[in-house]
């Protein structure tokens, strides 16, 4: 496994593990009726779209030129 692959996988695991407690905390106090309603009406929207966040960051990196620092001096 390459160094890039290992660091990317490690960071992704840390990200997912950081999200899980936030979701659990936010769900505390939901009633059974609220949970049933959300599952019945919004189940298709309950996945968090990490790909969207990664795409946004990738676009930001693509817009930044490695020569920006040299040209701005």
PDB file of N, CA and C in Angstrom:
ATOM      1  N   UNK A   1       0.858  -1.170   0.000  1.00  0.00           N
ATOM      2  CA  UNK A   1       0.000   0.000   0.000  1.00  0.00           C
ATOM      3  C   UNK A   1       0.906   1.236   0.000  1.00  0.00           C
ATOM      4  N   UNK A   2       0.599   2.180  -0.876  1.00  0.00           N
ATOM      5  CA  UNK A   2       1.415   3.382  -0.980  1.00  0.00           C
ATOM      6  C   UNK A   2       1.191   4.293   0.225  1.00  0.00           C
ATOM      7  N   UNK A   3       2.134   5.184   0.433  1.00  0.00           N
ATOM      8  CA  UNK A   3       2.035   6.137   1.538  1.00  0.00           C
ATOM      9  C   UNK A   3       0.803   7.024   1.370  1.00  0.00           C
ATOM     10  N   UNK A   4       0.555   7.492   0.141  1.00  0.00           N
ATOM     11  CA  UNK A   4      -0.620   8.318  -0.134  1.00  0.00           C
ATOM     12  C   UNK A   4      -1.897   7.563   0.188  1.00  0.00           C
ATOM     13  N   UNK A   5      -1.972   6.317  -0.252  1.00  0.00           N
ATOM     14  CA  UNK A   5      -3.155   5.493  -0.004  1.00  0.00           C
ATOM     15  C   UNK A   5      -3.374   5.303   1.493  1.00  0.00           C
ATOM     16  N   UNK A   6      -2.312   5.014   2.213  1.00  0.00           N
ATOM     17  CA  UNK A   6      -2.419   4.786   3.660  1.00  0.00           C
ATOM     18  C   UNK A   6      -2.850   6.050   4.389  1.00  0.00           C
ATOM     19  N   UNK A   7      -2.256   7.187   4.070  1.00  0.00           N
ATOM     20  CA  UNK A   7      -2.628   8.418   4.769  1.00  0.00           C
ATOM     21  C   UNK A   7      -4.055   8.837   4.416  1.00  0.00           C
ATOM     22  N   UNK A   8      -4.453   8.664   3.161  1.00  0.00           N
ATOM     23  CA  UNK A   8      -5.822   9.016   2.756  1.00  0.00           C
ATOM     24  C   UNK A   8      -6.839   8.137   3.474  1.00  0.00           C
ATOM     25  N   UNK A   9      -6.580   6.841   3.547  1.00  0.00           N
ATOM     26  CA  UNK A   9      -7.497   5.926   4.229  1.00  0.00           C
ATOM     27  C   UNK A   9      -7.573   6.244   5.720  1.00  0.00           C
ATOM     28  N   UNK A  10      -6.439   6.538   6.329  1.00  0.00           N
ATOM     29  CA  UNK A  10      -6.407   6.867   7.753  1.00  0.00           C
ATOM     30  C   UNK A  10      -7.208   8.133   8.033  1.00  0.00           C
ATOM     31  N   UNK A  11      -7.026   9.151   7.201  1.00  0.00           N
ATOM     32  CA  UNK A  11      -7.765  10.403   7.380  1.00  0.00           C
ATOM     33  C   UNK A  11      -9.259  10.209   7.145  1.00  0.00           C
ATOM     34  N   UNK A  12      -9.633   9.377   6.184  1.00  0.00           N
ATOM     35  CA  UNK A  12     -11.045   9.114   5.924  1.00  0.00           C
ATOM     36  C   UNK A  12     -11.689   8.402   7.114  1.00  0.00           C
ATOM     37  N   UNK A  13     -10.988   7.445   7.682  1.00  0.00           N
ATOM     38  CA  UNK A  13     -11.501   6.744   8.866  1.00  0.00           C
ATOM     39  C   UNK A  13     -11.702   7.725  10.018  1.00  0.00           C
ATOM     40  N   UNK A  14     -10.722   8.618  10.226  1.00  0.00           N
ATOM     41  CA  UNK A  14     -10.839   9.612  11.295  1.00  0.00           C
ATOM     42  C   UNK A  14     -12.016  10.546  11.043  1.00  0.00           C
ATOM     43  N   UNK A  15     -12.238  10.916   9.798  1.00  0.00           N
ATOM     44  CA  UNK A  15     -13.361  11.789   9.444  1.00  0.00           C
ATOM     45  C   UNK A  15     -14.694  11.126   9.761  1.00  0.00           C
ATOM     46  N   UNK A  16     -14.849   9.890   9.334  1.00  0.00           N
ATOM     47  CA  UNK A  16     -16.102   9.161   9.573  1.00  0.00           C
ATOM     48  C   UNK A  16     -16.324   8.975  11.072  1.00  0.00           C
ATOM     49  N   UNK A  17     -15.263   8.647  11.794  1.00  0.00           N
ATOM     50  CA  UNK A  17     -15.397   8.467  13.242  1.00  0.00           C
ATOM     51  C   UNK A  17     -15.724   9.777  13.943  1.00  0.00           C
ATOM     52  N   UNK A  18     -15.331  10.898  13.384  1.00  0.00           N
ATOM     53  CA  UNK A  18     -15.658  12.202  13.972  1.00  0.00           C
ATOM     54  C   UNK A  18     -17.119  12.577  13.691  1.00  0.00           C
ATOM     55  N   UNK A  19     -17.647  12.145  12.557  1.00  0.00           N
ATOM     56  CA  UNK A  19     -19.033  12.456  12.186  1.00  0.00           C
ATOM     57  C   UNK A  19     -20.019  11.653  13.028  1.00  0.00           C
ATOM     58  N   UNK A  20     -19.712  10.397  13.271  1.00  0.00           N
ATOM     59  CA  UNK A  20     -20.651   9.501  13.967  1.00  0.00           C
ATOM     60  C   UNK A  20     -21.112  10.037  15.321  1.00  0.00           C
ATOM     61  N   UNK A  21     -20.230  10.507  16.212  1.00  0.00           N
ATOM     62  CA  UNK A  21     -20.717  11.008  17.503  1.00  0.00           C
ATOM     63  C   UNK A  21     -21.577  12.266  17.376  1.00  0.00           C
ATOM     64  N   UNK A  22     -21.295  13.084  16.367  1.00  0.00           N
ATOM     65  CA  UNK A  22     -22.109  14.283  16.150  1.00  0.00           C
ATOM     66  C   UNK A  22     -23.534  13.873  15.800  1.00  0.00           C
ATOM     67  N   UNK A  23     -23.671  12.910  14.925  1.00  0.00           N
ATOM     68  CA  UNK A  23     -24.994  12.427  14.527  1.00  0.00           C
ATOM     69  C   UNK A  23     -25.706  11.805  15.730  1.00  0.00           C
ATOM     70  N   UNK A  24     -24.995  10.976  16.477  1.00  0.00           N
ATOM     71  CA  UNK A  24     -25.605  10.339  17.651  1.00  0.00           C
ATOM     72  C   UNK A  24     -26.096  11.387  18.646  1.00  0.00           C
ATOM     73  N   UNK A  25     -25.290  12.410  18.892  1.00  0.00           N
ATOM     74  CA  UNK A  25     -25.669  13.472  19.830  1.00  0.00           C
ATOM     75  C   UNK A  25     -26.888  14.222  19.327  1.00  0.00           C
ATOM     76  N   UNK A  26     -26.921  14.529  18.043  1.00  0.00           N
ATOM     77  CA  UNK A  26     -28.046  15.270  17.483  1.00  0.00           C
ATOM     78  C   UNK A  26     -29.336  14.456  17.488  1.00  0.00           C
ATOM     79  N   UNK A  27     -29.217  13.141  17.442  1.00  0.00           N
ATOM     80  CA  UNK A  27     -30.408  12.285  17.422  1.00  0.00           C
ATOM     81  C   UNK A  27     -30.969  11.999  18.815  1.00  0.00           C
ATOM     82  N   UNK A  28     -30.196  12.320  19.839  1.00  0.00           N
ATOM     83  CA  UNK A  28     -30.703  12.115  21.207  1.00  0.00           C
ATOM     84  C   UNK A  28     -31.947  12.971  21.404  1.00  0.00           C
ATOM     85  N   UNK A  29     -32.948  12.394  21.985  1.00  0.00           N
ATOM     86  CA  UNK A  29     -34.163  13.142  22.267  1.00  0.00           C
ATOM     87  C   UNK A  29     -35.222  13.086  21.174  1.00  0.00           C
ATOM     88  N   UNK A  30     -34.904  12.443  20.063  1.00  0.00           N
ATOM     89  CA  UNK A  30     -35.923  12.285  19.020  1.00  0.00           C
ATOM     90  C   UNK A  30     -36.937  11.246  19.502  1.00  0.00           C
ATOM     91  N   UNK A  31     -38.178  11.517  19.281  1.00  0.00           N
ATOM     92  CA  UNK A  31     -39.230  10.562  19.661  1.00  0.00           C
ATOM     93  C   UNK A  31     -39.350   9.478  18.594  1.00  0.00           C
ATOM     94  N   UNK A  32     -39.990   8.394  18.970  1.00  0.00           N
ATOM     95  CA  UNK A  32     -40.218   7.300  18.016  1.00  0.00           C
ATOM     96  C   UNK A  32     -41.036   7.795  16.836  1.00  0.00           C
ATOM     97  N   UNK A  33     -42.006   8.672  17.086  1.00  0.00           N
ATOM     98  CA  UNK A  33     -42.827   9.220  16.004  1.00  0.00           C
ATOM     99  C   UNK A  33     -42.011  10.065  15.040  1.00  0.00           C
ATOM    100  N   UNK A  34     -41.124  10.880  15.574  1.00  0.00           N
ATOM    101  CA  UNK A  34     -40.271  11.718  14.714  1.00  0.00           C
ATOM    102  C   UNK A  34     -39.346  10.859  13.858  1.00  0.00           C
ATOM    103  N   UNK A  35     -38.787   9.836  14.474  1.00  0.00           N
ATOM    104  CA  UNK A  35     -37.895   8.928  13.746  1.00  0.00           C
ATOM    105  C   UNK A  35     -38.664   8.222  12.635  1.00  0.00           C
ATOM    106  N   UNK A  36     -39.845   7.703  12.960  1.00  0.00           N
ATOM    107  CA  UNK A  36     -40.669   7.020  11.956  1.00  0.00           C
ATOM    108  C   UNK A  36     -41.033   7.959  10.812  1.00  0.00           C
ATOM    109  N   UNK A  37     -41.389   9.202  11.148  1.00  0.00           N
ATOM    110  CA  UNK A  37     -41.764  10.179  10.124  1.00  0.00           C
ATOM    111  C   UNK A  37     -40.591  10.462   9.180  1.00  0.00           C
ATOM    112  N   UNK A  38     -39.417  10.690   9.755  1.00  0.00           N
ATOM    113  CA  UNK A  38     -38.242  10.986   8.929  1.00  0.00           C
ATOM    114  C   UNK A  38     -37.902   9.792   8.047  1.00  0.00           C
ATOM    115  N   UNK A  39     -37.940   8.602   8.603  1.00  0.00           N
ATOM    116  CA  UNK A  39     -37.635   7.411   7.807  1.00  0.00           C
ATOM    117  C   UNK A  39     -38.655   7.202   6.688  1.00  0.00           C
ATOM    118  N   UNK A  40     -39.906   7.472   6.976  1.00  0.00           N
ATOM    119  CA  UNK A  40     -40.954   7.280   5.973  1.00  0.00           C
ATOM    120  C   UNK A  40     -40.910   8.326   4.868  1.00  0.00           C
ATOM    121  N   UNK A  41     -40.484   9.548   5.194  1.00  0.00           N
ATOM    122  CA  UNK A  41     -40.576  10.642   4.235  1.00  0.00           C
ATOM    123  C   UNK A  41     -39.240  11.144   3.671  1.00  0.00           C
ATOM    124  N   UNK A  42     -38.166  10.866   4.349  1.00  0.00           N
ATOM    125  CA  UNK A  42     -36.886  11.450   3.925  1.00  0.00           C
ATOM    126  C   UNK A  42     -35.748  10.447   3.860  1.00  0.00           C
ATOM    127  N   UNK A  43     -36.044   9.169   3.877  1.00  0.00           N
ATOM    128  CA  UNK A  43     -35.005   8.143   3.916  1.00  0.00           C
ATOM    129  C   UNK A  43     -33.975   8.312   2.793  1.00  0.00           C
ATOM    130  N   UNK A  44     -34.460   8.698   1.611  1.00  0.00           N
ATOM    131  CA  UNK A  44     -33.550   8.842   0.470  1.00  0.00           C
ATOM    132  C   UNK A  44     -32.571  10.002   0.653  1.00  0.00           C
ATOM    133  N   UNK A  45     -32.830  10.886   1.616  1.00  0.00           N
ATOM    134  CA  UNK A  45     -31.971  12.052   1.840  1.00  0.00           C
ATOM    135  C   UNK A  45     -31.101  11.912   3.085  1.00  0.00           C
ATOM    136  N   UNK A  46     -31.069  10.755   3.693  1.00  0.00           N
ATOM    137  CA  UNK A  46     -30.388  10.602   4.975  1.00  0.00           C
ATOM    138  C   UNK A  46     -28.902  10.267   4.866  1.00  0.00           C
ATOM    139  N   UNK A  47     -28.383  10.148   3.696  1.00  0.00           N
ATOM    140  CA  UNK A  47     -26.948   9.908   3.532  1.00  0.00           C
ATOM    141  C   UNK A  47     -26.232  11.241   3.408  1.00  0.00           C
ATOM    142  N   UNK A  48     -25.163  11.402   4.178  1.00  0.00           N
ATOM    143  CA  UNK A  48     -24.374  12.628   4.058  1.00  0.00           C
ATOM    144  C   UNK A  48     -23.466  12.484   2.851  1.00  0.00           C
ATOM    145  N   UNK A  49     -23.427  13.499   2.030  1.00  0.00           N
ATOM    146  CA  UNK A  49     -22.696  13.445   0.770  1.00  0.00           C
ATOM    147  C   UNK A  49     -21.254  13.943   0.951  1.00  0.00           C
ATOM    148  N   UNK A  50     -20.381  13.053   1.415  1.00  0.00           N
ATOM    149  CA  UNK A  50     -18.967  13.402   1.555  1.00  0.00           C
ATOM    150  C   UNK A  50     -18.325  13.668   0.199  1.00  0.00           C
ATOM    151  N   UNK A  51     -18.802  12.998  -0.833  1.00  0.00           N
ATOM    152  CA  UNK A  51     -18.234  13.196  -2.168  1.00  0.00           C
ATOM    153  C   UNK A  51     -18.361  14.655  -2.586  1.00  0.00           C
ATOM    154  N   UNK A  52     -19.476  15.285  -2.263  1.00  0.00           N
ATOM    155  CA  UNK A  52     -19.687  16.700  -2.590  1.00  0.00           C
ATOM    156  C   UNK A  52     -18.617  17.571  -1.919  1.00  0.00           C
ATOM    157  N   UNK A  53     -18.329  17.278  -0.661  1.00  0.00           N
ATOM    158  CA  UNK A  53     -17.324  18.047   0.064  1.00  0.00           C
ATOM    159  C   UNK A  53     -15.932  17.844  -0.529  1.00  0.00           C
ATOM    160  N   UNK A  54     -15.618  16.605  -0.890  1.00  0.00           N
ATOM    161  CA  UNK A  54     -14.321  16.330  -1.505  1.00  0.00           C
ATOM    162  C   UNK A  54     -14.206  17.002  -2.878  1.00  0.00           C
ATOM    163  N   UNK A  55     -15.288  16.993  -3.654  1.00  0.00           N
ATOM    164  CA  UNK A  55     -15.281  17.654  -4.968  1.00  0.00           C
ATOM    165  C   UNK A  55     -15.054  19.162  -4.824  1.00  0.00           C
ATOM    166  N   UNK A  56     -15.691  19.777  -3.832  1.00  0.00           N
ATOM    167  CA  UNK A  56     -15.521  21.208  -3.599  1.00  0.00           C
ATOM    168  C   UNK A  56     -14.068  21.521  -3.270  1.00  0.00           C
ATOM    169  N   UNK A  57     -13.470  20.718  -2.388  1.00  0.00           N
ATOM    170  CA  UNK A  57     -12.064  20.937  -2.045  1.00  0.00           C
ATOM    171  C   UNK A  57     -11.157  20.714  -3.246  1.00  0.00           C
ATOM    172  N   UNK A  58     -11.465  19.711  -4.032  1.00  0.00           N
ATOM    173  CA  UNK A  58     -10.655  19.439  -5.220  1.00  0.00           C
ATOM    174  C   UNK A  58     -10.704  20.618  -6.185  1.00  0.00           C
ATOM    175  N   UNK A  59     -11.898  21.176  -6.377  1.00  0.00           N
ATOM    176  CA  UNK A  59     -12.039  22.341  -7.255  1.00  0.00           C
ATOM    177  C   UNK A  59     -11.241  23.526  -6.726  1.00  0.00           C
ATOM    178  N   UNK A  60     -11.247  23.712  -5.411  1.00  0.00           N
ATOM    179  CA  UNK A  60     -10.476  24.809  -4.829  1.00  0.00           C
ATOM    180  C   UNK A  60      -8.986  24.607  -5.083  1.00  0.00           C
ATOM    181  N   UNK A  61      -8.521  23.372  -4.944  1.00  0.00           N
ATOM    182  CA  UNK A  61      -7.108  23.087  -5.190  1.00  0.00           C
ATOM    183  C   UNK A  61      -6.754  23.275  -6.664  1.00  0.00           C
ATOM    184  N   UNK A  62      -7.694  22.941  -7.547  1.00  0.00           N
ATOM    185  CA  UNK A  62      -7.418  23.100  -8.978  1.00  0.00           C
ATOM    186  C   UNK A  62      -7.338  24.572  -9.370  1.00  0.00           C
ATOM    187  N   UNK A  63      -8.087  25.416  -8.678  1.00  0.00           N
ATOM    188  CA  UNK A  63      -8.076  26.844  -8.987  1.00  0.00           C
ATOM    189  C   UNK A  63      -6.818  27.522  -8.477  1.00  0.00           C
ATOM    190  N   UNK A  64      -6.157  26.908  -7.485  1.00  0.00           N
ATOM    191  CA  UNK A  64      -4.928  27.463  -6.941  1.00  0.00           C
ATOM    192  C   UNK A  64      -3.753  26.981  -7.780  1.00  0.00           C
ATOM    193  N   UNK A  65      -2.986  27.896  -8.250  1.00  0.00           N
ATOM    194  CA  UNK A  65      -1.816  27.560  -9.048  1.00  0.00           C
ATOM    195  C   UNK A  65      -0.604  27.419  -8.133  1.00  0.00           C
ATOM    196  N   UNK A  66       0.277  26.472  -8.437  1.00  0.00           N
ATOM    197  CA  UNK A  66       1.499  26.359  -7.633  1.00  0.00           C
ATOM    198  C   UNK A  66       2.390  27.593  -7.799  1.00  0.00           C
ATOM    199  N   UNK A  67       2.104  28.408  -8.808  1.00  0.00           N
ATOM    200  CA  UNK A  67       2.907  29.601  -9.063  1.00  0.00           C
ATOM    201  C   UNK A  67       2.299  30.857  -8.456  1.00  0.00           C
ATOM    202  N   UNK A  68       1.149  30.728  -7.799  1.00  0.00           N
ATOM    203  CA  UNK A  68       0.495  31.892  -7.208  1.00  0.00           C
ATOM    204  C   UNK A  68       1.415  32.648  -6.250  1.00  0.00           C
ATOM    205  N   UNK A  69       2.122  31.923  -5.403  1.00  0.00           N
ATOM    206  CA  UNK A  69       3.009  32.558  -4.435  1.00  0.00           C
ATOM    207  C   UNK A  69       4.126  33.324  -5.137  1.00  0.00           C
ATOM    208  N   UNK A  70       4.644  32.770  -6.217  1.00  0.00           N
ATOM    209  CA  UNK A  70       5.727  33.444  -6.950  1.00  0.00           C
ATOM    210  C   UNK A  70       5.234  34.690  -7.659  1.00  0.00           C
ATOM    211  N   UNK A  71       4.045  34.596  -8.236  1.00  0.00           N
ATOM    212  CA  UNK A  71       3.509  35.719  -8.996  1.00  0.00           C
ATOM    213  C   UNK A  71       3.000  36.846  -8.115  1.00  0.00           C
ATOM    214  N   UNK A  72       2.600  36.518  -6.893  1.00  0.00           N
ATOM    215  CA  UNK A  72       2.080  37.521  -5.994  1.00  0.00           C
ATOM    216  C   UNK A  72       3.170  38.302  -5.265  1.00  0.00           C
ATOM    217  N   UNK A  73       4.411  37.900  -5.403  1.00  0.00           N
ATOM    218  CA  UNK A  73       5.518  38.608  -4.753  1.00  0.00           C
ATOM    219  C   UNK A  73       5.901  39.861  -5.481  1.00  0.00           C
TER     220      UNK A  73
END
